[in-house]
Protein backbone atom coordinates (compact mmCIF):
# COMPACT_ATOMS: atom_id res chain seq x y z
CA MET A 1 -0.07 0.16 0.12
CA LYS A 2 1.29 3.59 -1.11
CA LYS A 3 2.08 5.85 1.92
CA SER A 4 -0.08 9.03 2.01
CA ILE A 5 2.09 12.51 1.94
CA VAL A 6 1.53 13.14 5.77
CA GLN A 7 2.97 9.39 6.48
CA SER A 8 5.89 9.99 4.28
CA LYS A 9 6.86 13.48 5.52
CA SER A 10 6.28 12.59 9.28
CA PHE A 11 8.52 9.52 8.83
CA GLN A 12 11.30 11.63 7.11
CA PHE A 13 10.79 14.33 9.83
CA SER A 14 11.33 11.31 12.57
CA LEU A 15 14.25 10.35 10.75
CA ASN A 16 15.83 13.96 11.18
CA ILE A 17 14.74 14.28 14.43
CA ILE A 18 16.80 11.07 15.45
CA SER A 19 19.81 12.50 13.78
CA LEU A 20 19.31 15.90 15.69
CA PHE A 21 18.89 13.66 18.87
CA SER A 22 22.11 11.78 18.22
CA LYS A 23 24.18 15.02 17.74
CA LEU A 24 22.68 16.60 20.85
CA GLN A 25 23.53 13.71 22.90
CA LYS A 26 27.32 14.22 21.51
CA GLU A 27 27.02 17.72 22.59
CA LYS A 28 26.12 16.37 26.06
CA GLU A 29 22.28 18.19 25.78
CA PHE A 30 20.20 15.31 27.44
CA ILE A 31 17.16 17.20 28.47
CA ILE A 32 15.44 18.93 25.49
CA SER A 33 16.93 16.39 23.13
CA LYS A 34 14.99 13.65 24.87
CA GLN A 35 11.83 15.62 24.65
CA LEU A 36 12.23 16.43 21.08
CA LEU A 37 13.09 12.81 20.42
CA ARG A 38 9.86 11.80 22.14
CA SER A 39 7.34 14.60 20.85
CA GLY A 40 9.13 14.34 17.05
CA THR A 41 8.57 10.72 16.68
CA SER A 42 5.40 10.64 18.25
CA ILE A 43 3.77 12.60 15.33
CA GLY A 44 4.31 9.90 12.73
CA ALA A 45 3.41 7.23 15.28
CA ASN A 46 0.11 8.69 15.80
CA ILE A 47 -0.25 9.06 12.31
CA GLU A 48 0.34 5.60 11.78
CA GLU A 49 -2.36 4.96 14.28
CA ALA A 50 -4.56 6.97 12.82
CA MET A 51 -4.71 5.32 9.17
CA ALA A 52 -5.77 2.05 10.93
CA GLY A 53 -8.62 4.03 13.10
CA GLN A 54 -11.47 1.94 13.86
CA SER A 55 -13.70 4.96 13.02
CA LYS A 56 -13.84 8.54 11.42
CA ARG A 57 -13.84 9.95 15.08
CA ASP A 58 -10.96 7.65 15.95
CA PHE A 59 -8.92 9.05 12.92
CA ILE A 60 -9.65 12.67 13.89
CA ALA A 61 -8.69 12.06 17.55
CA LYS A 62 -5.32 10.20 16.41
CA MET A 63 -4.53 13.00 13.79
CA SER A 64 -5.25 16.07 16.41
CA ILE A 65 -2.83 13.88 18.68
CA SER A 66 -0.28 14.25 16.19
CA SER A 67 -1.10 17.97 15.35
CA LYS A 68 -0.32 18.80 19.20
CA GLU A 69 2.77 16.65 19.16
CA ALA A 70 3.97 18.73 16.18
CA ARG A 71 3.13 21.91 18.22
CA GLU A 72 5.36 20.36 20.99
CA THR A 73 8.05 19.53 18.96
CA ARG A 74 8.04 23.30 17.32
CA TYR A 75 8.46 24.43 20.96
CA TRP A 76 11.56 22.39 21.67
CA LEU A 77 13.08 23.59 18.42
CA LEU A 78 12.43 27.08 19.11
CA LEU A 79 14.03 26.54 22.80
CA LEU A 80 16.94 25.23 21.09
CA LYS A 81 16.96 27.92 18.62
CA GLY A 82 16.84 30.71 21.08
CA SER A 83 19.15 29.23 23.72
CA ASP A 84 22.85 28.97 23.92
CA LEU A 85 22.54 25.13 24.74
CA THR A 86 23.96 24.21 20.93
CA GLN A 87 25.18 25.75 17.41
CA ILE A 88 23.27 23.43 15.69
CA ASN A 89 21.04 25.00 12.98
CA VAL A 90 17.45 23.80 13.27
CA SER A 91 15.58 26.15 10.62
CA SER A 92 15.13 23.48 8.05
CA LEU A 93 13.51 21.22 10.87
CA LEU A 94 11.28 24.60 11.93
CA LYS A 95 10.49 25.10 8.51
CA ASP A 96 9.65 21.10 8.12
CA ILE A 97 7.67 21.14 11.32
CA ASN A 98 5.72 24.17 10.42
CA LYS A 99 4.66 22.35 7.01
CA LEU A 100 3.50 19.36 9.11
CA ILE A 101 1.47 21.39 11.38
CA ARG A 102 -0.40 23.21 8.53
CA LEU A 103 -0.97 19.71 6.81
CA LEU A 104 -2.04 18.02 9.90
CA THR A 105 -4.47 21.17 10.82
CA SER A 106 -5.88 20.73 7.37
CA ILE A 107 -6.60 17.15 7.52
CA VAL A 108 -8.17 17.37 11.08
CA LYS A 109 -10.43 20.29 9.82
CA THR A 110 -11.23 18.76 6.66
CA SER A 111 -11.94 15.24 8.46
CA GLN A 112 -14.23 17.24 11.08
CA GLU A 113 -16.28 19.05 8.45
CA ASN A 114 -16.79 15.75 6.50
CA LEU A 115 -17.82 14.06 9.64
CA VAL A 116 -20.73 16.42 10.48
CA LYS A 117 -21.84 16.82 7.01
CA LYS A 118 -22.21 12.99 6.86
CA GLN A 119 -24.17 13.41 10.19
CA VAL A 120 -26.84 15.87 8.57
């Protein structure tokens, strides 16, 4: 089965987060790196769960969780960018996470609208 755009983008983003985590660990940054790893990889995991949702409501709930995890991930990236913890440039990851947030927001809104239309 072919992966959706959001599945592909979230998977690649997770790989990039794992790479950043590894670099941060080498720099002895352990706190934010672990939070970033958890939230950054959780986005794709919840998308995968959503794709196997038992109902449209379940799909929406899992995609909403993915959206929240993406926003948390953006927060950790912004902290890294704004702090003196590392000199690693996270600008491209911030661009990627903003795209994922927009995509997830669109999916959730459209799915909610379709669910309401179906009920009417």
